[in-house]
Amino acid sequence: PGFQMEVLANSDGLNFLRADTSPYAKQIEALMKKYPNLHFMVCGTSLKNLEESGQKAALLPNVRVTSSAVEQVAQRIREGWSYSAI
């Protein structure tokens, strides 16, 4: 593949990448298998806040944790990546 794509979830978006709450778990896992250049990530700060509120956050397999969403986006922009918020 000639490009890499990251889907980065933070705040309430973590629910889409949690094994216990995601309504799209099977679809996300299928996408990760089909497209090895597609990576799903969660904000470590949001994950920490969720766990500190007493919720367990079991993530879907192969979901990566980054230190924070802001740091990840800033790093990728410095590296020349494009950014699109949805």
PDB file of N, CA and C in Angstrom:
ATOM      1  N   PRO A   1       0.825  -1.204   0.000  1.00  0.00           N
ATOM      2  CA  PRO A   1       0.000   0.000   0.000  1.00  0.00           C
ATOM      3  C   PRO A   1       0.857   1.251   0.000  1.00  0.00           C
ATOM      4  N   GLY A   2       0.425   2.247  -0.733  1.00  0.00           N
ATOM      5  CA  GLY A   2       1.182   3.472  -0.841  1.00  0.00           C
ATOM      6  C   GLY A   2       0.862   4.508   0.212  1.00  0.00           C
ATOM      7  N   PHE A   3      -0.078   4.222   1.081  1.00  0.00           N
ATOM      8  CA  PHE A   3      -0.419   5.189   2.115  1.00  0.00           C
ATOM      9  C   PHE A   3      -0.839   4.472   3.391  1.00  0.00           C
ATOM     10  N   GLN A   4      -0.847   5.232   4.475  1.00  0.00           N
ATOM     11  CA  GLN A   4      -1.316   4.737   5.772  1.00  0.00           C
ATOM     12  C   GLN A   4      -2.477   5.625   6.207  1.00  0.00           C
ATOM     13  N   MET A   5      -3.442   5.039   6.878  1.00  0.00           N
ATOM     14  CA  MET A   5      -4.569   5.799   7.399  1.00  0.00           C
ATOM     15  C   MET A   5      -4.784   5.425   8.857  1.00  0.00           C
ATOM     16  N   GLU A   6      -5.003   6.446   9.674  1.00  0.00           N
ATOM     17  CA  GLU A   6      -5.303   6.233  11.086  1.00  0.00           C
ATOM     18  C   GLU A   6      -6.659   6.835  11.406  1.00  0.00           C
ATOM     19  N   VAL A   7      -7.456   6.080  12.132  1.00  0.00           N
ATOM     20  CA  VAL A   7      -8.718   6.572  12.667  1.00  0.00           C
ATOM     21  C   VAL A   7      -8.489   6.710  14.163  1.00  0.00           C
ATOM     22  N   LEU A   8      -8.538   7.933  14.644  1.00  0.00           N
ATOM     23  CA  LEU A   8      -8.201   8.233  16.033  1.00  0.00           C
ATOM     24  C   LEU A   8      -9.461   8.651  16.781  1.00  0.00           C
ATOM     25  N   ALA A   9      -9.803   7.903  17.819  1.00  0.00           N
ATOM     26  CA  ALA A   9     -11.003   8.198  18.609  1.00  0.00           C
ATOM     27  C   ALA A   9     -10.617   8.791  19.954  1.00  0.00           C
ATOM     28  N   ASN A  10     -11.393   9.784  20.376  1.00  0.00           N
ATOM     29  CA  ASN A  10     -11.205  10.334  21.714  1.00  0.00           C
ATOM     30  C   ASN A  10     -12.573  10.603  22.326  1.00  0.00           C
ATOM     31  N   SER A  11     -12.581  10.929  23.591  1.00  0.00           N
ATOM     32  CA  SER A  11     -13.797  11.234  24.335  1.00  0.00           C
ATOM     33  C   SER A  11     -14.841  10.125  24.130  1.00  0.00           C
ATOM     34  N   ASP A  12     -16.070  10.487  23.799  1.00  0.00           N
ATOM     35  CA  ASP A  12     -17.120   9.473  23.626  1.00  0.00           C
ATOM     36  C   ASP A  12     -16.875   8.574  22.417  1.00  0.00           C
ATOM     37  N   GLY A  13     -16.005   8.994  21.509  1.00  0.00           N
ATOM     38  CA  GLY A  13     -15.677   8.174  20.348  1.00  0.00           C
ATOM     39  C   GLY A  13     -15.006   6.859  20.708  1.00  0.00           C
ATOM     40  N   LEU A  14     -14.452   6.777  21.919  1.00  0.00           N
ATOM     41  CA  LEU A  14     -13.834   5.523  22.366  1.00  0.00           C
ATOM     42  C   LEU A  14     -14.826   4.372  22.331  1.00  0.00           C
ATOM     43  N   ASN A  15     -16.105   4.674  22.547  1.00  0.00           N
ATOM     44  CA  ASN A  15     -17.114   3.615  22.576  1.00  0.00           C
ATOM     45  C   ASN A  15     -17.167   2.821  21.276  1.00  0.00           C
ATOM     46  N   PHE A  16     -16.796   3.434  20.164  1.00  0.00           N
ATOM     47  CA  PHE A  16     -16.796   2.732  18.885  1.00  0.00           C
ATOM     48  C   PHE A  16     -15.667   1.715  18.782  1.00  0.00           C
ATOM     49  N   LEU A  17     -14.655   1.854  19.625  1.00  0.00           N
ATOM     50  CA  LEU A  17     -13.510   0.948  19.572  1.00  0.00           C
ATOM     51  C   LEU A  17     -13.391   0.085  20.821  1.00  0.00           C
ATOM     52  N   ARG A  18     -14.427   0.073  21.642  1.00  0.00           N
ATOM     53  CA  ARG A  18     -14.452  -0.769  22.839  1.00  0.00           C
ATOM     54  C   ARG A  18     -15.156  -2.083  22.520  1.00  0.00           C
ATOM     55  N   ALA A  19     -14.588  -3.169  22.972  1.00  0.00           N
ATOM     56  CA  ALA A  19     -15.157  -4.493  22.706  1.00  0.00           C
ATOM     57  C   ALA A  19     -16.542  -4.647  23.318  1.00  0.00           C
ATOM     58  N   ASP A  20     -16.785  -3.972  24.431  1.00  0.00           N
ATOM     59  CA  ASP A  20     -18.058  -4.143  25.135  1.00  0.00           C
ATOM     60  C   ASP A  20     -19.146  -3.159  24.725  1.00  0.00           C
ATOM     61  N   THR A  21     -18.829  -2.146  23.933  1.00  0.00           N
ATOM     62  CA  THR A  21     -19.835  -1.140  23.586  1.00  0.00           C
ATOM     63  C   THR A  21     -19.968  -0.855  22.097  1.00  0.00           C
ATOM     64  N   SER A  22     -19.044  -1.287  21.280  1.00  0.00           N
ATOM     65  CA  SER A  22     -19.061  -0.918  19.865  1.00  0.00           C
ATOM     66  C   SER A  22     -20.141  -1.668  19.089  1.00  0.00           C
ATOM     67  N   PRO A  23     -21.043  -0.921  18.438  1.00  0.00           N
ATOM     68  CA  PRO A  23     -22.019  -1.580  17.578  1.00  0.00           C
ATOM     69  C   PRO A  23     -21.397  -2.006  16.241  1.00  0.00           C
ATOM     70  N   TYR A  24     -20.154  -1.605  16.007  1.00  0.00           N
ATOM     71  CA  TYR A  24     -19.479  -1.876  14.738  1.00  0.00           C
ATOM     72  C   TYR A  24     -18.253  -2.761  14.897  1.00  0.00           C
ATOM     73  N   ALA A  25     -18.160  -3.496  15.974  1.00  0.00           N
ATOM     74  CA  ALA A  25     -16.960  -4.288  16.268  1.00  0.00           C
ATOM     75  C   ALA A  25     -16.587  -5.217  15.120  1.00  0.00           C
ATOM     76  N   LYS A  26     -17.542  -5.972  14.606  1.00  0.00           N
ATOM     77  CA  LYS A  26     -17.233  -6.928  13.530  1.00  0.00           C
ATOM     78  C   LYS A  26     -16.788  -6.216  12.264  1.00  0.00           C
ATOM     79  N   GLN A  27     -17.432  -5.108  11.949  1.00  0.00           N
ATOM     80  CA  GLN A  27     -17.061  -4.362  10.744  1.00  0.00           C
ATOM     81  C   GLN A  27     -15.661  -3.762  10.879  1.00  0.00           C
ATOM     82  N   ILE A  28     -15.347  -3.230  12.050  1.00  0.00           N
ATOM     83  CA  ILE A  28     -14.022  -2.639  12.274  1.00  0.00           C
ATOM     84  C   ILE A  28     -12.946  -3.712  12.196  1.00  0.00           C
ATOM     85  N   GLU A  29     -13.186  -4.854  12.823  1.00  0.00           N
ATOM     86  CA  GLU A  29     -12.212  -5.945  12.768  1.00  0.00           C
ATOM     87  C   GLU A  29     -12.023  -6.432  11.337  1.00  0.00           C
ATOM     88  N   ALA A  30     -13.102  -6.503  10.559  1.00  0.00           N
ATOM     89  CA  ALA A  30     -13.001  -6.929   9.158  1.00  0.00           C
ATOM     90  C   ALA A  30     -12.202  -5.916   8.339  1.00  0.00           C
ATOM     91  N   LEU A  31     -12.425  -4.634   8.581  1.00  0.00           N
ATOM     92  CA  LEU A  31     -11.670  -3.599   7.871  1.00  0.00           C
ATOM     93  C   LEU A  31     -10.182  -3.683   8.179  1.00  0.00           C
ATOM     94  N   MET A  32      -9.846  -3.918   9.451  1.00  0.00           N
ATOM     95  CA  MET A  32      -8.432  -4.016   9.824  1.00  0.00           C
ATOM     96  C   MET A  32      -7.768  -5.215   9.157  1.00  0.00           C
ATOM     97  N   LYS A  33      -8.501  -6.308   9.014  1.00  0.00           N
ATOM     98  CA  LYS A  33      -7.935  -7.489   8.351  1.00  0.00           C
ATOM     99  C   LYS A  33      -7.770  -7.253   6.858  1.00  0.00           C
ATOM    100  N   LYS A  34      -8.753  -6.600   6.249  1.00  0.00           N
ATOM    101  CA  LYS A  34      -8.732  -6.385   4.801  1.00  0.00           C
ATOM    102  C   LYS A  34      -7.715  -5.324   4.379  1.00  0.00           C
ATOM    103  N   TYR A  35      -7.533  -4.309   5.224  1.00  0.00           N
ATOM    104  CA  TYR A  35      -6.659  -3.184   4.885  1.00  0.00           C
ATOM    105  C   TYR A  35      -5.563  -3.038   5.942  1.00  0.00           C
ATOM    106  N   PRO A  36      -4.412  -3.658   5.736  1.00  0.00           N
ATOM    107  CA  PRO A  36      -3.339  -3.590   6.735  1.00  0.00           C
ATOM    108  C   PRO A  36      -2.760  -2.186   6.914  1.00  0.00           C
ATOM    109  N   ASN A  37      -3.084  -1.278   6.018  1.00  0.00           N
ATOM    110  CA  ASN A  37      -2.606   0.100   6.131  1.00  0.00           C
ATOM    111  C   ASN A  37      -3.597   0.991   6.888  1.00  0.00           C
ATOM    112  N   LEU A  38      -4.680   0.405   7.394  1.00  0.00           N
ATOM    113  CA  LEU A  38      -5.687   1.123   8.170  1.00  0.00           C
ATOM    114  C   LEU A  38      -5.511   0.784   9.644  1.00  0.00           C
ATOM    115  N   HIS A  39      -5.327   1.809  10.467  1.00  0.00           N
ATOM    116  CA  HIS A  39      -5.080   1.608  11.894  1.00  0.00           C
ATOM    117  C   HIS A  39      -6.103   2.384  12.713  1.00  0.00           C
ATOM    118  N   PHE A  40      -6.639   1.737  13.720  1.00  0.00           N
ATOM    119  CA  PHE A  40      -7.570   2.382  14.636  1.00  0.00           C
ATOM    120  C   PHE A  40      -6.835   2.649  15.939  1.00  0.00           C
ATOM    121  N   MET A  41      -7.020   3.854  16.477  1.00  0.00           N
ATOM    122  CA  MET A  41      -6.293   4.274  17.676  1.00  0.00           C
ATOM    123  C   MET A  41      -7.239   4.989  18.628  1.00  0.00           C
ATOM    124  N   VAL A  42      -6.897   4.949  19.908  1.00  0.00           N
ATOM    125  CA  VAL A  42      -7.645   5.717  20.900  1.00  0.00           C
ATOM    126  C   VAL A  42      -6.700   6.658  21.636  1.00  0.00           C
ATOM    127  N   CYS A  43      -7.262   7.746  22.086  1.00  0.00           N
ATOM    128  CA  CYS A  43      -6.535   8.736  22.875  1.00  0.00           C
ATOM    129  C   CYS A  43      -6.278   8.172  24.266  1.00  0.00           C
ATOM    130  N   GLY A  44      -5.026   8.120  24.660  1.00  0.00           N
ATOM    131  CA  GLY A  44      -4.668   7.605  25.973  1.00  0.00           C
ATOM    132  C   GLY A  44      -5.226   8.446  27.109  1.00  0.00           C
ATOM    133  N   THR A  45      -5.319   9.747  26.905  1.00  0.00           N
ATOM    134  CA  THR A  45      -5.884  10.621  27.934  1.00  0.00           C
ATOM    135  C   THR A  45      -7.362  10.310  28.141  1.00  0.00           C
ATOM    136  N   SER A  46      -8.102  10.153  27.048  1.00  0.00           N
ATOM    137  CA  SER A  46      -9.523   9.811  27.152  1.00  0.00           C
ATOM    138  C   SER A  46      -9.709   8.443  27.788  1.00  0.00           C
ATOM    139  N   LEU A  47      -8.848   7.506  27.433  1.00  0.00           N
ATOM    140  CA  LEU A  47      -8.924   6.161  28.004  1.00  0.00           C
ATOM    141  C   LEU A  47      -8.674   6.207  29.509  1.00  0.00           C
ATOM    142  N   LYS A  48      -7.681   6.973  29.912  1.00  0.00           N
ATOM    143  CA  LYS A  48      -7.369   7.117  31.342  1.00  0.00           C
ATOM    144  C   LYS A  48      -8.547   7.742  32.087  1.00  0.00           C
ATOM    145  N   ASN A  49      -9.148   8.776  31.507  1.00  0.00           N
ATOM    146  CA  ASN A  49     -10.300   9.428  32.137  1.00  0.00           C
ATOM    147  C   ASN A  49     -11.471   8.463  32.280  1.00  0.00           C
ATOM    148  N   LEU A  50     -11.698   7.651  31.271  1.00  0.00           N
ATOM    149  CA  LEU A  50     -12.775   6.664  31.314  1.00  0.00           C
ATOM    150  C   LEU A  50     -12.541   5.666  32.437  1.00  0.00           C
ATOM    151  N   GLU A  51     -11.317   5.171  32.525  1.00  0.00           N
ATOM    152  CA  GLU A  51     -10.996   4.182  33.553  1.00  0.00           C
ATOM    153  C   GLU A  51     -11.020   4.796  34.951  1.00  0.00           C
ATOM    154  N   GLU A  52     -10.627   6.057  35.070  1.00  0.00           N
ATOM    155  CA  GLU A  52     -10.683   6.728  36.371  1.00  0.00           C
ATOM    156  C   GLU A  52     -12.116   6.973  36.834  1.00  0.00           C
ATOM    157  N   SER A  53     -13.055   6.986  35.877  1.00  0.00           N
ATOM    158  CA  SER A  53     -14.467   7.150  36.241  1.00  0.00           C
ATOM    159  C   SER A  53     -15.086   5.823  36.682  1.00  0.00           C
ATOM    160  N   GLY A  54     -14.269   4.763  36.671  1.00  0.00           N
ATOM    161  CA  GLY A  54     -14.736   3.461  37.140  1.00  0.00           C
ATOM    162  C   GLY A  54     -15.164   2.503  36.050  1.00  0.00           C
ATOM    163  N   GLN A  55     -15.034   2.903  34.796  1.00  0.00           N
ATOM    164  CA  GLN A  55     -15.422   2.031  33.691  1.00  0.00           C
ATOM    165  C   GLN A  55     -14.214   1.253  33.184  1.00  0.00           C
ATOM    166  N   LYS A  56     -14.401  -0.026  32.952  1.00  0.00           N
ATOM    167  CA  LYS A  56     -13.366  -0.843  32.314  1.00  0.00           C
ATOM    168  C   LYS A  56     -13.467  -0.598  30.818  1.00  0.00           C
ATOM    169  N   ALA A  57     -12.346  -0.492  30.165  1.00  0.00           N
ATOM    170  CA  ALA A  57     -12.351  -0.216  28.734  1.00  0.00           C
ATOM    171  C   ALA A  57     -11.556  -1.280  27.998  1.00  0.00           C
ATOM    172  N   ALA A  58     -12.205  -2.377  27.674  1.00  0.00           N
ATOM    173  CA  ALA A  58     -11.568  -3.423  26.871  1.00  0.00           C
ATOM    174  C   ALA A  58     -11.688  -3.007  25.407  1.00  0.00           C
ATOM    175  N   LEU A  59     -10.549  -2.769  24.777  1.00  0.00           N
ATOM    176  CA  LEU A  59     -10.548  -2.315  23.390  1.00  0.00           C
ATOM    177  C   LEU A  59     -10.641  -3.494  22.433  1.00  0.00           C
ATOM    178  N   LEU A  60     -11.103  -3.215  21.228  1.00  0.00           N
ATOM    179  CA  LEU A  60     -11.119  -4.230  20.180  1.00  0.00           C
ATOM    180  C   LEU A  60      -9.688  -4.681  19.905  1.00  0.00           C
ATOM    181  N   PRO A  61      -9.514  -5.892  19.407  1.00  0.00           N
ATOM    182  CA  PRO A  61      -8.163  -6.375  19.092  1.00  0.00           C
ATOM    183  C   PRO A  61      -7.458  -5.451  18.093  1.00  0.00           C
ATOM    184  N   ASN A  62      -6.187  -5.256  18.305  1.00  0.00           N
ATOM    185  CA  ASN A  62      -5.307  -4.479  17.424  1.00  0.00           C
ATOM    186  C   ASN A  62      -5.567  -2.981  17.424  1.00  0.00           C
ATOM    187  N   VAL A  63      -6.406  -2.495  18.330  1.00  0.00           N
ATOM    188  CA  VAL A  63      -6.579  -1.049  18.476  1.00  0.00           C
ATOM    189  C   VAL A  63      -5.393  -0.535  19.285  1.00  0.00           C
ATOM    190  N   ARG A  64      -4.766   0.491  18.771  1.00  0.00           N
ATOM    191  CA  ARG A  64      -3.584   1.054  19.422  1.00  0.00           C
ATOM    192  C   ARG A  64      -3.977   2.187  20.363  1.00  0.00           C
ATOM    193  N   VAL A  65      -3.147   2.420  21.361  1.00  0.00           N
ATOM    194  CA  VAL A  65      -3.359   3.529  22.293  1.00  0.00           C
ATOM    195  C   VAL A  65      -2.221   4.521  22.089  1.00  0.00           C
ATOM    196  N   THR A  66      -2.569   5.774  21.869  1.00  0.00           N
ATOM    197  CA  THR A  66      -1.583   6.835  21.736  1.00  0.00           C
ATOM    198  C   THR A  66      -1.627   7.693  22.998  1.00  0.00           C
ATOM    199  N   SER A  67      -0.573   8.420  23.272  1.00  0.00           N
ATOM    200  CA  SER A  67      -0.521   9.199  24.516  1.00  0.00           C
ATOM    201  C   SER A  67      -1.696  10.169  24.616  1.00  0.00           C
ATOM    202  N   SER A  68      -1.948  10.909  23.556  1.00  0.00           N
ATOM    203  CA  SER A  68      -3.120  11.788  23.513  1.00  0.00           C
ATOM    204  C   SER A  68      -3.473  12.054  22.054  1.00  0.00           C
ATOM    205  N   ALA A  69      -4.738  12.353  21.817  1.00  0.00           N
ATOM    206  CA  ALA A  69      -5.183  12.629  20.449  1.00  0.00           C
ATOM    207  C   ALA A  69      -4.483  13.864  19.896  1.00  0.00           C
ATOM    208  N   VAL A  70      -4.370  14.893  20.718  1.00  0.00           N
ATOM    209  CA  VAL A  70      -3.743  16.141  20.273  1.00  0.00           C
ATOM    210  C   VAL A  70      -2.295  15.898  19.864  1.00  0.00           C
ATOM    211  N   GLU A  71      -1.559  15.159  20.679  1.00  0.00           N
ATOM    212  CA  GLU A  71      -0.159  14.876  20.353  1.00  0.00           C
ATOM    213  C   GLU A  71      -0.042  14.037  19.082  1.00  0.00           C
ATOM    214  N   GLN A  72      -0.919  13.065  18.908  1.00  0.00           N
ATOM    215  CA  GLN A  72      -0.867  12.208  17.725  1.00  0.00           C
ATOM    216  C   GLN A  72      -1.139  13.009  16.456  1.00  0.00           C
ATOM    217  N   VAL A  73      -2.168  13.841  16.499  1.00  0.00           N
ATOM    218  CA  VAL A  73      -2.501  14.663  15.333  1.00  0.00           C
ATOM    219  C   VAL A  73      -1.360  15.628  15.023  1.00  0.00           C
ATOM    220  N   ALA A  74      -0.833  16.290  16.041  1.00  0.00           N
ATOM    221  CA  ALA A  74       0.269  17.236  15.826  1.00  0.00           C
ATOM    222  C   ALA A  74       1.486  16.537  15.231  1.00  0.00           C
ATOM    223  N   GLN A  75       1.808  15.361  15.729  1.00  0.00           N
ATOM    224  CA  GLN A  75       2.952  14.602  15.212  1.00  0.00           C
ATOM    225  C   GLN A  75       2.747  14.245  13.743  1.00  0.00           C
ATOM    226  N   ARG A  76       1.566  13.753  13.424  1.00  0.00           N
ATOM    227  CA  ARG A  76       1.300  13.362  12.039  1.00  0.00           C
ATOM    228  C   ARG A  76       1.335  14.568  11.099  1.00  0.00           C
ATOM    229  N   ILE A  77       0.825  15.688  11.527  1.00  0.00           N
ATOM    230  CA  ILE A  77       0.869  16.890  10.688  1.00  0.00           C
ATOM    231  C   ILE A  77       2.316  17.305  10.452  1.00  0.00           C
ATOM    232  N   ARG A  78       3.146  17.239  11.501  1.00  0.00           N
ATOM    233  CA  ARG A  78       4.580  17.552  11.326  1.00  0.00           C
ATOM    234  C   ARG A  78       5.230  16.601  10.326  1.00  0.00           C
ATOM    235  N   GLU A  79       4.751  15.367  10.271  1.00  0.00           N
ATOM    236  CA  GLU A  79       5.301  14.367   9.352  1.00  0.00           C
ATOM    237  C   GLU A  79       4.737  14.496   7.941  1.00  0.00           C
ATOM    238  N   GLY A  80       3.813  15.438   7.737  1.00  0.00           N
ATOM    239  CA  GLY A  80       3.264  15.666   6.410  1.00  0.00           C
ATOM    240  C   GLY A  80       1.945  14.960   6.126  1.00  0.00           C
ATOM    241  N   TRP A  81       1.364  14.340   7.134  1.00  0.00           N
ATOM    242  CA  TRP A  81       0.075  13.671   6.947  1.00  0.00           C
ATOM    243  C   TRP A  81      -1.025  14.718   6.775  1.00  0.00           C
ATOM    244  N   SER A  82      -2.103  14.327   6.124  1.00  0.00           N
ATOM    245  CA  SER A  82      -3.310  15.150   6.058  1.00  0.00           C
ATOM    246  C   SER A  82      -4.192  14.795   7.243  1.00  0.00           C
ATOM    247  N   TYR A  83      -5.008  15.757   7.669  1.00  0.00           N
ATOM    248  CA  TYR A  83      -5.882  15.550   8.826  1.00  0.00           C
ATOM    249  C   TYR A  83      -7.296  15.955   8.461  1.00  0.00           C
ATOM    250  N   SER A  84      -8.240  15.121   8.820  1.00  0.00           N
ATOM    251  CA  SER A  84      -9.646  15.425   8.593  1.00  0.00           C
ATOM    252  C   SER A  84     -10.436  15.019   9.826  1.00  0.00           C
ATOM    253  N   ALA A  85     -11.085  15.970  10.455  1.00  0.00           N
ATOM    254  CA  ALA A  85     -11.901  15.682  11.642  1.00  0.00           C
ATOM    255  C   ALA A  85     -13.324  15.375  11.197  1.00  0.00           C
ATOM    256  N   ILE A  86     -13.874  14.309  11.774  1.00  0.00           N
ATOM    257  CA  ILE A  86     -15.269  13.977  11.453  1.00  0.00           C
ATOM    258  C   ILE A  86     -16.058  13.759  12.722  1.00  0.00           C
TER     259      ILE A  86
END
